[in-house]
Amino acid sequence: MAKILKDPGVGYKSNRNAQRIIVNGQSNVKHINRTKTIDDLYTYLIHIGWLQFFGYVVFSYLIINIFFAGLYLLVGVQHFKTSSGTTFQDFLQLFFFSAQTITTVGYGVLAPKGVVAGLLSSFEALVGLLSFSFITGLLYGRFSKPKAKIQFSKNIIIREFEDQKALMFRMMNKRTNLMIEPELNAVMNITEKNSSGEFQRSFYKLKLQRNKIMYLPTMWTVVHKIDKASPLEKYTDEELKNLEVEIYILFKYHEEAFNQTLYQLHSYDFNCLKINYKFGPSYTFDEEGRTVIDHDVLDDLIEINSILKQS
């Protein structure tokens, strides 16, 4: 009989429209009334996508230069250059002067005249040094931050295996280096109505055929046998298709490139369940006898019924 776990931090209560807790390896939990501090900014900028990051950099660069160009215009364009006669042209010239000042380029076309203009441009130069130091630190942090590159199969399958049924999924390293001592742990959450008619979560630790290996050079098919100790043993195939299930996965391994232990989260629900399918071959051999891993075949499935018909 499957042993029910205590709440791992998700909560027992649920409802019909409850979304998955983990989506694409990221938490899908909404936080409200959370106190935010300036310390959160670094973490946020480290984790956002590259396009969004550079978008913020360009936007901030433009805003700072527009701000200082406006201040220079208020001080008086005569403190920097002879007025061109139009406010827009003067603003553009001061904007370019601001860009030269904040980047410490200094082409020498314009120069501040007077104490106020000199103090303002000196302050902008300081802002530029601090800003570029901050961006440099963020770039280093983004490049140096170790990140696991594990790809999981899109589907999980249930098939006959060693005279009983088993639930399976597989995974591989998207990099070319070996994963040292990879280890995987999985917890299954089954949501069903209780005696009061309310939706309630039950948690089970999935017993895996192997949850740790020495190294992973190819693909790893993770197997959970559906025996008497499995939480899925009491369900028929039709009931499994309609069962509300989420599997939380924590995968860790030693990354030789970073010389650190890396972690990656993943989750499955039974919307991606395929019954009576098996995974296609995970590798082949070339003419020289070398093992060949095709990353495009990770999700290949073969229907077992079609195999039986052909035989």
C-alpha atoms as a PDB file:
ATOM      1  CA  MET A   1       0.000   0.000   0.000  1.00  0.00           C
ATOM      2  CA  ALA A   2       1.303   3.454  -0.875  1.00  0.00           C
ATOM      3  CA  LYS A   3       2.475   5.544   2.080  1.00  0.00           C
ATOM      4  CA  ILE A   4       1.039   9.053   2.195  1.00  0.00           C
ATOM      5  CA  LEU A   5       3.549  11.805   2.927  1.00  0.00           C
ATOM      6  CA  LYS A   6       3.008  14.803   5.107  1.00  0.00           C
ATOM      7  CA  ASP A   7       2.496  18.096   3.300  1.00  0.00           C
ATOM      8  CA  PRO A   8       5.859  19.016   1.667  1.00  0.00           C
ATOM      9  CA  GLY A   9       4.936  22.697   1.685  1.00  0.00           C
ATOM     10  CA  VAL A  10       2.276  22.784  -1.020  1.00  0.00           C
ATOM     11  CA  GLY A  11      -0.809  22.473   1.186  1.00  0.00           C
ATOM     12  CA  TYR A  12      -3.543  19.836   1.230  1.00  0.00           C
ATOM     13  CA  LYS A  13      -6.378  22.113   0.108  1.00  0.00           C
ATOM     14  CA  SER A  14      -7.149  22.351  -3.594  1.00  0.00           C
ATOM     15  CA  ASN A  15      -9.939  23.114  -6.065  1.00  0.00           C
ATOM     16  CA  ARG A  16     -11.058  22.156  -9.534  1.00  0.00           C
ATOM     17  CA  ASN A  17      -9.211  25.048 -11.217  1.00  0.00           C
ATOM     18  CA  ALA A  18      -5.962  24.768  -9.254  1.00  0.00           C
ATOM     19  CA  GLN A  19      -2.957  25.323 -11.515  1.00  0.00           C
ATOM     20  CA  ARG A  20       0.325  23.428 -11.363  1.00  0.00           C
ATOM     21  CA  ILE A  21       2.799  24.460  -8.658  1.00  0.00           C
ATOM     22  CA  ILE A  22       5.859  24.047 -10.913  1.00  0.00           C
ATOM     23  CA  VAL A  23       5.743  25.117 -14.578  1.00  0.00           C
ATOM     24  CA  ASN A  24       8.780  24.873 -16.878  1.00  0.00           C
ATOM     25  CA  GLY A  25      11.043  24.356 -13.877  1.00  0.00           C
ATOM     26  CA  GLN A  26       9.853  27.572 -12.207  1.00  0.00           C
ATOM     27  CA  SER A  27       7.544  28.222  -9.277  1.00  0.00           C
ATOM     28  CA  ASN A  28       3.975  29.037 -10.323  1.00  0.00           C
ATOM     29  CA  VAL A  29       3.026  30.415  -6.892  1.00  0.00           C
ATOM     30  CA  LYS A  30       1.620  33.953  -6.770  1.00  0.00           C
ATOM     31  CA  HIS A  31       2.933  36.137  -3.918  1.00  0.00           C
ATOM     32  CA  ILE A  32       0.896  39.069  -2.618  1.00  0.00           C
ATOM     33  CA  ASN A  33       1.638  41.674   0.069  1.00  0.00           C
ATOM     34  CA  ARG A  34       5.325  40.774  -0.118  1.00  0.00           C
ATOM     35  CA  THR A  35       7.721  43.430   1.128  1.00  0.00           C
ATOM     36  CA  LYS A  36      10.186  44.334  -1.632  1.00  0.00           C
ATOM     37  CA  THR A  37      13.629  45.812  -1.024  1.00  0.00           C
ATOM     38  CA  ILE A  38      16.448  47.116  -3.216  1.00  0.00           C
ATOM     39  CA  ASP A  39      18.212  43.785  -2.617  1.00  0.00           C
ATOM     40  CA  ASP A  40      15.556  42.103  -4.792  1.00  0.00           C
ATOM     41  CA  LEU A  41      16.660  44.128  -7.835  1.00  0.00           C
ATOM     42  CA  TYR A  42      19.926  42.231  -8.331  1.00  0.00           C
ATOM     43  CA  THR A  43      18.188  38.857  -8.068  1.00  0.00           C
ATOM     44  CA  TYR A  44      15.517  39.974 -10.514  1.00  0.00           C
ATOM     45  CA  LEU A  45      17.996  41.294 -13.085  1.00  0.00           C
ATOM     46  CA  ILE A  46      20.127  38.144 -12.830  1.00  0.00           C
ATOM     47  CA  HIS A  47      17.226  35.822 -13.632  1.00  0.00           C
ATOM     48  CA  ILE A  48      15.320  37.646 -16.384  1.00  0.00           C
ATOM     49  CA  GLY A  49      15.899  36.807 -20.054  1.00  0.00           C
ATOM     50  CA  TRP A  50      18.735  38.363 -22.038  1.00  0.00           C
ATOM     51  CA  LEU A  51      16.425  40.322 -24.354  1.00  0.00           C
ATOM     52  CA  GLN A  52      14.541  41.809 -21.422  1.00  0.00           C
ATOM     53  CA  PHE A  53      17.823  42.552 -19.616  1.00  0.00           C
ATOM     54  CA  PHE A  54      19.310  44.492 -22.532  1.00  0.00           C
ATOM     55  CA  GLY A  55      15.970  46.195 -23.037  1.00  0.00           C
ATOM     56  CA  TYR A  56      16.208  47.547 -19.482  1.00  0.00           C
ATOM     57  CA  VAL A  57      19.830  48.626 -20.078  1.00  0.00           C
ATOM     58  CA  VAL A  58      18.964  50.582 -23.250  1.00  0.00           C
ATOM     59  CA  PHE A  59      15.832  52.085 -21.685  1.00  0.00           C
ATOM     60  CA  SER A  60      17.733  53.202 -18.569  1.00  0.00           C
ATOM     61  CA  TYR A  61      20.517  54.655 -20.722  1.00  0.00           C
ATOM     62  CA  LEU A  62      18.037  56.727 -22.703  1.00  0.00           C
ATOM     63  CA  ILE A  63      16.119  57.906 -19.635  1.00  0.00           C
ATOM     64  CA  ILE A  64      19.289  59.025 -17.802  1.00  0.00           C
ATOM     65  CA  ASN A  65      20.564  60.948 -20.820  1.00  0.00           C
ATOM     66  CA  ILE A  66      17.176  62.558 -21.439  1.00  0.00           C
ATOM     67  CA  PHE A  67      17.028  63.560 -17.759  1.00  0.00           C
ATOM     68  CA  PHE A  68      20.478  65.182 -17.776  1.00  0.00           C
ATOM     69  CA  ALA A  69      19.929  66.814 -21.174  1.00  0.00           C
ATOM     70  CA  GLY A  70      16.809  68.393 -19.689  1.00  0.00           C
ATOM     71  CA  LEU A  71      18.797  69.648 -16.689  1.00  0.00           C
ATOM     72  CA  TYR A  72      21.471  71.095 -18.970  1.00  0.00           C
ATOM     73  CA  LEU A  73      18.755  72.852 -20.937  1.00  0.00           C
ATOM     74  CA  LEU A  74      17.360  74.347 -17.703  1.00  0.00           C
ATOM     75  CA  VAL A  75      20.821  75.538 -16.665  1.00  0.00           C
ATOM     76  CA  GLY A  76      21.143  77.240 -20.011  1.00  0.00           C
ATOM     77  CA  VAL A  77      22.436  76.100 -23.360  1.00  0.00           C
ATOM     78  CA  GLN A  78      24.838  79.067 -23.407  1.00  0.00           C
ATOM     79  CA  HIS A  79      26.882  77.297 -20.688  1.00  0.00           C
ATOM     80  CA  PHE A  80      27.726  74.551 -23.206  1.00  0.00           C
ATOM     81  CA  LYS A  81      27.398  75.936 -26.734  1.00  0.00           C
ATOM     82  CA  THR A  82      25.969  78.695 -28.830  1.00  0.00           C
ATOM     83  CA  SER A  83      22.245  78.231 -29.207  1.00  0.00           C
ATOM     84  CA  SER A  84      21.126  76.845 -32.553  1.00  0.00           C
ATOM     85  CA  GLY A  85      17.927  78.853 -32.363  1.00  0.00           C
ATOM     86  CA  THR A  86      15.507  75.946 -31.766  1.00  0.00           C
ATOM     87  CA  THR A  87      14.860  74.191 -28.465  1.00  0.00           C
ATOM     88  CA  PHE A  88      14.731  70.778 -30.102  1.00  0.00           C
ATOM     89  CA  GLN A  89      18.132  71.153 -31.768  1.00  0.00           C
ATOM     90  CA  ASP A  90      19.640  72.453 -28.527  1.00  0.00           C
ATOM     91  CA  PHE A  91      18.150  69.494 -26.645  1.00  0.00           C
ATOM     92  CA  LEU A  92      19.617  67.015 -29.144  1.00  0.00           C
ATOM     93  CA  GLN A  93      23.076  68.570 -28.826  1.00  0.00           C
ATOM     94  CA  LEU A  94      22.852  68.437 -25.039  1.00  0.00           C
ATOM     95  CA  PHE A  95      21.598  64.843 -25.203  1.00  0.00           C
ATOM     96  CA  PHE A  96      24.702  63.860 -27.189  1.00  0.00           C
ATOM     97  CA  PHE A  97      26.870  65.790 -24.726  1.00  0.00           C
ATOM     98  CA  SER A  98      25.212  63.860 -21.882  1.00  0.00           C
ATOM     99  CA  ALA A  99      25.908  60.546 -23.671  1.00  0.00           C
ATOM    100  CA  GLN A 100      29.574  61.523 -24.056  1.00  0.00           C
ATOM    101  CA  THR A 101      29.801  62.558 -20.406  1.00  0.00           C
ATOM    102  CA  ILE A 102      28.124  59.493 -18.902  1.00  0.00           C
ATOM    103  CA  THR A 103      30.312  57.153 -20.972  1.00  0.00           C
ATOM    104  CA  THR A 104      33.439  59.300 -20.310  1.00  0.00           C
ATOM    105  CA  VAL A 105      34.084  59.433 -24.076  1.00  0.00           C
ATOM    106  CA  GLY A 106      34.365  63.214 -24.299  1.00  0.00           C
ATOM    107  CA  TYR A 107      34.803  64.089 -27.993  1.00  0.00           C
ATOM    108  CA  GLY A 108      35.606  67.677 -27.059  1.00  0.00           C
ATOM    109  CA  VAL A 109      32.931  69.301 -29.264  1.00  0.00           C
ATOM    110  CA  LEU A 110      31.055  70.610 -26.219  1.00  0.00           C
ATOM    111  CA  ALA A 111      32.364  71.492 -22.776  1.00  0.00           C
ATOM    112  CA  PRO A 112      30.671  72.922 -19.687  1.00  0.00           C
ATOM    113  CA  LYS A 113      31.315  76.563 -18.858  1.00  0.00           C
ATOM    114  CA  GLY A 114      30.725  77.844 -15.372  1.00  0.00           C
ATOM    115  CA  VAL A 115      30.447  76.285 -11.935  1.00  0.00           C
ATOM    116  CA  VAL A 116      26.855  75.016 -12.163  1.00  0.00           C
ATOM    117  CA  ALA A 117      27.335  73.333 -15.542  1.00  0.00           C
ATOM    118  CA  GLY A 118      30.656  71.863 -14.367  1.00  0.00           C
ATOM    119  CA  LEU A 119      29.139  70.448 -11.161  1.00  0.00           C
ATOM    120  CA  LEU A 120      26.200  68.953 -13.028  1.00  0.00           C
ATOM    121  CA  SER A 121      28.360  67.287 -15.683  1.00  0.00           C
ATOM    122  CA  SER A 122      30.760  66.020 -12.994  1.00  0.00           C
ATOM    123  CA  PHE A 123      27.849  64.453 -11.125  1.00  0.00           C
ATOM    124  CA  GLU A 124      26.640  62.785 -14.319  1.00  0.00           C
ATOM    125  CA  ALA A 125      30.125  61.370 -14.890  1.00  0.00           C
ATOM    126  CA  LEU A 126      29.933  59.817 -11.405  1.00  0.00           C
ATOM    127  CA  VAL A 127      26.488  58.389 -12.186  1.00  0.00           C
ATOM    128  CA  GLY A 128      27.942  56.905 -15.374  1.00  0.00           C
ATOM    129  CA  LEU A 129      30.827  55.220 -13.577  1.00  0.00           C
ATOM    130  CA  LEU A 130      28.496  53.709 -10.969  1.00  0.00           C
ATOM    131  CA  SER A 131      25.955  52.626 -13.582  1.00  0.00           C
ATOM    132  CA  PHE A 132      28.480  50.870 -15.802  1.00  0.00           C
ATOM    133  CA  SER A 133      30.052  49.201 -12.759  1.00  0.00           C
ATOM    134  CA  PHE A 134      26.613  47.901 -11.811  1.00  0.00           C
ATOM    135  CA  ILE A 135      25.909  46.636 -15.335  1.00  0.00           C
ATOM    136  CA  THR A 136      29.354  45.010 -15.516  1.00  0.00           C
ATOM    137  CA  GLY A 137      28.641  43.205 -12.243  1.00  0.00           C
ATOM    138  CA  LEU A 138      25.287  42.021 -13.576  1.00  0.00           C
ATOM    139  CA  LEU A 139      26.865  40.749 -16.804  1.00  0.00           C
ATOM    140  CA  TYR A 140      29.493  38.837 -14.852  1.00  0.00           C
ATOM    141  CA  GLY A 141      26.838  37.437 -12.544  1.00  0.00           C
ATOM    142  CA  ARG A 142      24.669  36.303 -15.454  1.00  0.00           C
ATOM    143  CA  PHE A 143      27.566  34.600 -17.254  1.00  0.00           C
ATOM    144  CA  SER A 144      29.119  33.052 -14.144  1.00  0.00           C
ATOM    145  CA  LYS A 145      25.865  31.838 -12.572  1.00  0.00           C
ATOM    146  CA  PRO A 146      25.852  28.055 -12.958  1.00  0.00           C
ATOM    147  CA  LYS A 147      22.664  26.738 -14.512  1.00  0.00           C
ATOM    148  CA  ALA A 148      21.581  23.176 -15.123  1.00  0.00           C
ATOM    149  CA  LYS A 149      20.779  22.312 -18.727  1.00  0.00           C
ATOM    150  CA  ILE A 150      18.574  19.254 -18.357  1.00  0.00           C
ATOM    151  CA  GLN A 151      15.915  18.414 -20.898  1.00  0.00           C
ATOM    152  CA  PHE A 152      12.987  16.235 -19.834  1.00  0.00           C
ATOM    153  CA  SER A 153      10.728  14.328 -22.220  1.00  0.00           C
ATOM    154  CA  LYS A 154       7.468  16.086 -23.034  1.00  0.00           C
ATOM    155  CA  ASN A 155       5.441  13.016 -22.150  1.00  0.00           C
ATOM    156  CA  ILE A 156       5.311  10.458 -19.399  1.00  0.00           C
ATOM    157  CA  ILE A 157       4.213   6.950 -20.317  1.00  0.00           C
ATOM    158  CA  ILE A 158       2.638   3.952 -18.643  1.00  0.00           C
ATOM    159  CA  ARG A 159       3.392   0.587 -20.183  1.00  0.00           C
ATOM    160  CA  GLU A 160       3.863  -3.085 -19.377  1.00  0.00           C
ATOM    161  CA  PHE A 161       7.259  -3.617 -17.770  1.00  0.00           C
ATOM    162  CA  GLU A 162       8.684  -6.763 -16.143  1.00  0.00           C
ATOM    163  CA  ASP A 163       5.278  -8.470 -15.772  1.00  0.00           C
ATOM    164  CA  GLN A 164       3.676  -5.334 -14.319  1.00  0.00           C
ATOM    165  CA  LYS A 165       2.968  -1.790 -15.328  1.00  0.00           C
ATOM    166  CA  ALA A 166       5.382   1.082 -14.861  1.00  0.00           C
ATOM    167  CA  LEU A 167       5.348   4.847 -15.206  1.00  0.00           C
ATOM    168  CA  MET A 168       8.316   6.246 -17.112  1.00  0.00           C
ATOM    169  CA  PHE A 169       9.831   9.479 -18.344  1.00  0.00           C
ATOM    170  CA  ARG A 170      13.294  10.211 -19.601  1.00  0.00           C
ATOM    171  CA  MET A 171      15.828  13.009 -19.566  1.00  0.00           C
ATOM    172  CA  MET A 172      19.178  14.034 -21.002  1.00  0.00           C
ATOM    173  CA  ASN A 173      21.917  16.627 -20.664  1.00  0.00           C
ATOM    174  CA  LYS A 174      21.675  19.424 -23.258  1.00  0.00           C
ATOM    175  CA  ARG A 175      25.434  19.970 -22.835  1.00  0.00           C
ATOM    176  CA  THR A 176      28.126  17.570 -24.050  1.00  0.00           C
ATOM    177  CA  ASN A 177      29.911  17.032 -20.738  1.00  0.00           C
ATOM    178  CA  LEU A 178      29.204  14.164 -18.358  1.00  0.00           C
ATOM    179  CA  MET A 179      26.809  14.575 -15.444  1.00  0.00           C
ATOM    180  CA  ILE A 180      28.560  13.186 -12.360  1.00  0.00           C
ATOM    181  CA  GLU A 181      26.471  11.286  -9.788  1.00  0.00           C
ATOM    182  CA  PRO A 182      23.063  12.469 -10.993  1.00  0.00           C
ATOM    183  CA  GLU A 183      20.260  11.917  -8.488  1.00  0.00           C
ATOM    184  CA  LEU A 184      16.517  12.315  -8.952  1.00  0.00           C
ATOM    185  CA  ASN A 185      13.717  12.399  -6.395  1.00  0.00           C
ATOM    186  CA  ALA A 186      10.029  12.625  -7.216  1.00  0.00           C
ATOM    187  CA  VAL A 187       6.882  13.330  -5.226  1.00  0.00           C
ATOM    188  CA  MET A 188       3.414  12.686  -6.637  1.00  0.00           C
ATOM    189  CA  ASN A 189       0.433  14.843  -5.757  1.00  0.00           C
ATOM    190  CA  ILE A 190      -3.015  13.315  -6.402  1.00  0.00           C
ATOM    191  CA  THR A 191      -6.006  15.642  -6.063  1.00  0.00           C
ATOM    192  CA  GLU A 192      -9.354  13.991  -5.331  1.00  0.00           C
ATOM    193  CA  LYS A 193     -12.591  14.775  -3.530  1.00  0.00           C
ATOM    194  CA  ASN A 194     -12.675  13.786   0.130  1.00  0.00           C
ATOM    195  CA  SER A 195     -15.684  12.540   2.099  1.00  0.00           C
ATOM    196  CA  SER A 196     -16.874  16.145   2.506  1.00  0.00           C
ATOM    197  CA  GLY A 197     -16.921  16.717  -1.237  1.00  0.00           C
ATOM    198  CA  GLU A 198     -13.927  19.099  -1.143  1.00  0.00           C
ATOM    199  CA  PHE A 199     -10.849  18.712  -3.328  1.00  0.00           C
ATOM    200  CA  GLN A 200      -7.834  17.610  -1.328  1.00  0.00           C
ATOM    201  CA  ARG A 201      -4.230  16.847  -2.203  1.00  0.00           C
ATOM    202  CA  SER A 202      -2.478  13.635  -1.142  1.00  0.00           C
ATOM    203  CA  PHE A 203       1.303  13.366  -1.447  1.00  0.00           C
ATOM    204  CA  TYR A 204       3.370  10.250  -2.134  1.00  0.00           C
ATOM    205  CA  LYS A 205       7.105   9.748  -2.582  1.00  0.00           C
ATOM    206  CA  LEU A 206       7.588   7.802  -5.790  1.00  0.00           C
ATOM    207  CA  LYS A 207       9.715   4.719  -5.396  1.00  0.00           C
ATOM    208  CA  LEU A 208      11.983   4.608  -8.429  1.00  0.00           C
ATOM    209  CA  GLN A 209      13.794   1.634  -9.893  1.00  0.00           C
ATOM    210  CA  ARG A 210      16.954   3.771  -9.648  1.00  0.00           C
ATOM    211  CA  ASN A 211      17.112   7.304  -8.371  1.00  0.00           C
ATOM    212  CA  LYS A 212      20.913   7.696  -8.501  1.00  0.00           C
ATOM    213  CA  ILE A 213      23.608   6.613 -10.957  1.00  0.00           C
ATOM    214  CA  MET A 214      27.356   7.193 -11.239  1.00  0.00           C
ATOM    215  CA  TYR A 215      27.296   9.292 -14.394  1.00  0.00           C
ATOM    216  CA  LEU A 216      25.016   9.965 -17.345  1.00  0.00           C
ATOM    217  CA  PRO A 217      26.574   9.951 -20.826  1.00  0.00           C
ATOM    218  CA  THR A 218      23.349   9.393 -22.827  1.00  0.00           C
ATOM    219  CA  MET A 219      19.678   9.434 -21.767  1.00  0.00           C
ATOM    220  CA  TRP A 220      18.168   8.249 -18.506  1.00  0.00           C
ATOM    221  CA  THR A 221      14.765   6.567 -18.483  1.00  0.00           C
ATOM    222  CA  VAL A 222      13.335   6.945 -14.986  1.00  0.00           C
ATOM    223  CA  VAL A 223      11.055   4.042 -13.988  1.00  0.00           C
ATOM    224  CA  HIS A 224       8.414   3.833 -11.267  1.00  0.00           C
ATOM    225  CA  LYS A 225       6.883   0.359 -11.008  1.00  0.00           C
ATOM    226  CA  ILE A 226       3.128   0.384 -10.401  1.00  0.00           C
ATOM    227  CA  ASP A 227       3.028  -2.316  -7.744  1.00  0.00           C
ATOM    228  CA  LYS A 228       1.233  -2.595  -4.401  1.00  0.00           C
ATOM    229  CA  ALA A 229       3.430   0.165  -2.953  1.00  0.00           C
ATOM    230  CA  SER A 230       2.510   2.568  -5.772  1.00  0.00           C
ATOM    231  CA  PRO A 231      -0.204   5.219  -5.325  1.00  0.00           C
ATOM    232  CA  LEU A 232      -1.367   4.421  -8.891  1.00  0.00           C
ATOM    233  CA  GLU A 233      -1.941   0.701  -8.335  1.00  0.00           C
ATOM    234  CA  LYS A 234      -5.683   1.011  -7.577  1.00  0.00           C
ATOM    235  CA  TYR A 235      -6.579   2.906 -10.769  1.00  0.00           C
ATOM    236  CA  THR A 236      -7.561   1.507 -14.151  1.00  0.00           C
ATOM    237  CA  ASP A 237      -6.154   2.919 -17.378  1.00  0.00           C
ATOM    238  CA  GLU A 238      -9.312   4.965 -17.971  1.00  0.00           C
ATOM    239  CA  GLU A 239      -9.220   6.335 -14.419  1.00  0.00           C
ATOM    240  CA  LEU A 240      -5.574   7.263 -14.834  1.00  0.00           C
ATOM    241  CA  LYS A 241      -6.362   9.332 -17.938  1.00  0.00           C
ATOM    242  CA  ASN A 242      -8.821  11.450 -15.930  1.00  0.00           C
ATOM    243  CA  LEU A 243      -6.831  11.543 -12.695  1.00  0.00           C
ATOM    244  CA  GLU A 244      -5.645  14.951 -11.499  1.00  0.00           C
ATOM    245  CA  VAL A 245      -1.957  14.374 -10.796  1.00  0.00           C
ATOM    246  CA  GLU A 246       1.192  16.461 -10.588  1.00  0.00           C
ATOM    247  CA  ILE A 247       4.662  14.974 -10.209  1.00  0.00           C
ATOM    248  CA  TYR A 248       7.287  17.247  -8.623  1.00  0.00           C
ATOM    249  CA  ILE A 249      10.849  16.392  -9.616  1.00  0.00           C
ATOM    250  CA  LEU A 250      14.107  17.544  -8.063  1.00  0.00           C
ATOM    251  CA  PHE A 251      17.182  16.620 -10.075  1.00  0.00           C
ATOM    252  CA  LYS A 252      20.732  17.292  -8.955  1.00  0.00           C
ATOM    253  CA  TYR A 253      24.201  16.426 -10.227  1.00  0.00           C
ATOM    254  CA  HIS A 254      27.812  17.576 -10.064  1.00  0.00           C
ATOM    255  CA  GLU A 255      28.718  19.845 -12.972  1.00  0.00           C
ATOM    256  CA  GLU A 256      32.394  19.482 -13.857  1.00  0.00           C
ATOM    257  CA  ALA A 257      32.480  22.760 -15.830  1.00  0.00           C
ATOM    258  CA  PHE A 258      31.447  24.811 -12.769  1.00  0.00           C
ATOM    259  CA  ASN A 259      32.745  22.305 -10.178  1.00  0.00           C
ATOM    260  CA  GLN A 260      29.464  22.695  -8.296  1.00  0.00           C
ATOM    261  CA  THR A 261      26.353  20.691  -7.534  1.00  0.00           C
ATOM    262  CA  LEU A 262      23.501  21.978  -9.683  1.00  0.00           C
ATOM    263  CA  TYR A 263      19.772  21.557  -9.175  1.00  0.00           C
ATOM    264  CA  GLN A 264      16.838  21.645 -11.557  1.00  0.00           C
ATOM    265  CA  LEU A 265      13.119  21.466 -10.893  1.00  0.00           C
ATOM    266  CA  HIS A 266      10.575  19.957 -13.225  1.00  0.00           C
ATOM    267  CA  SER A 267       6.994  18.748 -13.054  1.00  0.00           C
ATOM    268  CA  TYR A 268       4.526  16.664 -15.017  1.00  0.00           C
ATOM    269  CA  ASP A 269       0.770  16.412 -14.925  1.00  0.00           C
ATOM    270  CA  PHE A 270      -1.315  13.677 -16.474  1.00  0.00           C
ATOM    271  CA  ASN A 271      -2.261  15.836 -19.456  1.00  0.00           C
ATOM    272  CA  CYS A 272       1.016  14.610 -20.921  1.00  0.00           C
ATOM    273  CA  LEU A 273       0.359  10.959 -20.009  1.00  0.00           C
ATOM    274  CA  LYS A 274       0.511   8.343 -22.767  1.00  0.00           C
ATOM    275  CA  ILE A 275      -0.636   4.789 -21.995  1.00  0.00           C
ATOM    276  CA  ASN A 276       0.680   1.753 -23.891  1.00  0.00           C
ATOM    277  CA  TYR A 277       3.499   3.648 -25.534  1.00  0.00           C
ATOM    278  CA  LYS A 278       7.229   3.196 -25.227  1.00  0.00           C
ATOM    279  CA  PHE A 279      10.126   5.547 -25.888  1.00  0.00           C
ATOM    280  CA  GLY A 280      12.111   5.181 -29.083  1.00  0.00           C
ATOM    281  CA  PRO A 281      15.821   4.253 -29.128  1.00  0.00           C
ATOM    282  CA  SER A 282      17.903   6.748 -27.185  1.00  0.00           C
ATOM    283  CA  TYR A 283      21.155   6.378 -29.146  1.00  0.00           C
ATOM    284  CA  THR A 284      22.757   4.784 -32.196  1.00  0.00           C
ATOM    285  CA  PHE A 285      26.297   3.997 -33.383  1.00  0.00           C
ATOM    286  CA  ASP A 286      28.231   5.536 -36.241  1.00  0.00           C
ATOM    287  CA  GLU A 287      30.479   3.690 -38.704  1.00  0.00           C
ATOM    288  CA  GLU A 288      33.411   3.987 -36.314  1.00  0.00           C
ATOM    289  CA  GLY A 289      31.436   2.467 -33.459  1.00  0.00           C
ATOM    290  CA  ARG A 290      31.033   5.710 -31.488  1.00  0.00           C
ATOM    291  CA  THR A 291      27.806   6.238 -29.570  1.00  0.00           C
ATOM    292  CA  VAL A 292      25.646   8.930 -31.207  1.00  0.00           C
ATOM    293  CA  ILE A 293      23.063  10.898 -29.216  1.00  0.00           C
ATOM    294  CA  ASP A 294      20.363  12.610 -31.271  1.00  0.00           C
ATOM    295  CA  HIS A 295      18.757  15.317 -29.127  1.00  0.00           C
ATOM    296  CA  ASP A 296      15.699  15.335 -31.376  1.00  0.00           C
ATOM    297  CA  VAL A 297      14.659  11.782 -30.428  1.00  0.00           C
ATOM    298  CA  LEU A 298      14.176  12.434 -26.702  1.00  0.00           C
ATOM    299  CA  ASP A 299      10.401  12.706 -27.180  1.00  0.00           C
ATOM    300  CA  ASP A 300      10.006   9.922 -29.740  1.00  0.00           C
ATOM    301  CA  LEU A 301       7.184   7.531 -28.801  1.00  0.00           C
ATOM    302  CA  ILE A 302       6.205   4.183 -30.290  1.00  0.00           C
ATOM    303  CA  GLU A 303       2.682   2.838 -29.782  1.00  0.00           C
ATOM    304  CA  ILE A 304       2.885  -0.674 -28.376  1.00  0.00           C
ATOM    305  CA  ASN A 305      -0.392  -1.808 -29.980  1.00  0.00           C
ATOM    306  CA  SER A 306       1.000  -0.974 -33.440  1.00  0.00           C
ATOM    307  CA  ILE A 307       4.077  -3.096 -32.693  1.00  0.00           C
ATOM    308  CA  LEU A 308       1.876  -6.061 -31.759  1.00  0.00           C
ATOM    309  CA  LYS A 309      -0.178  -5.681 -34.958  1.00  0.00           C
ATOM    310  CA  GLN A 310       2.973  -5.630 -37.097  1.00  0.00           C
ATOM    311  CA  SER A 311       4.316  -8.762 -35.407  1.00  0.00           C
END
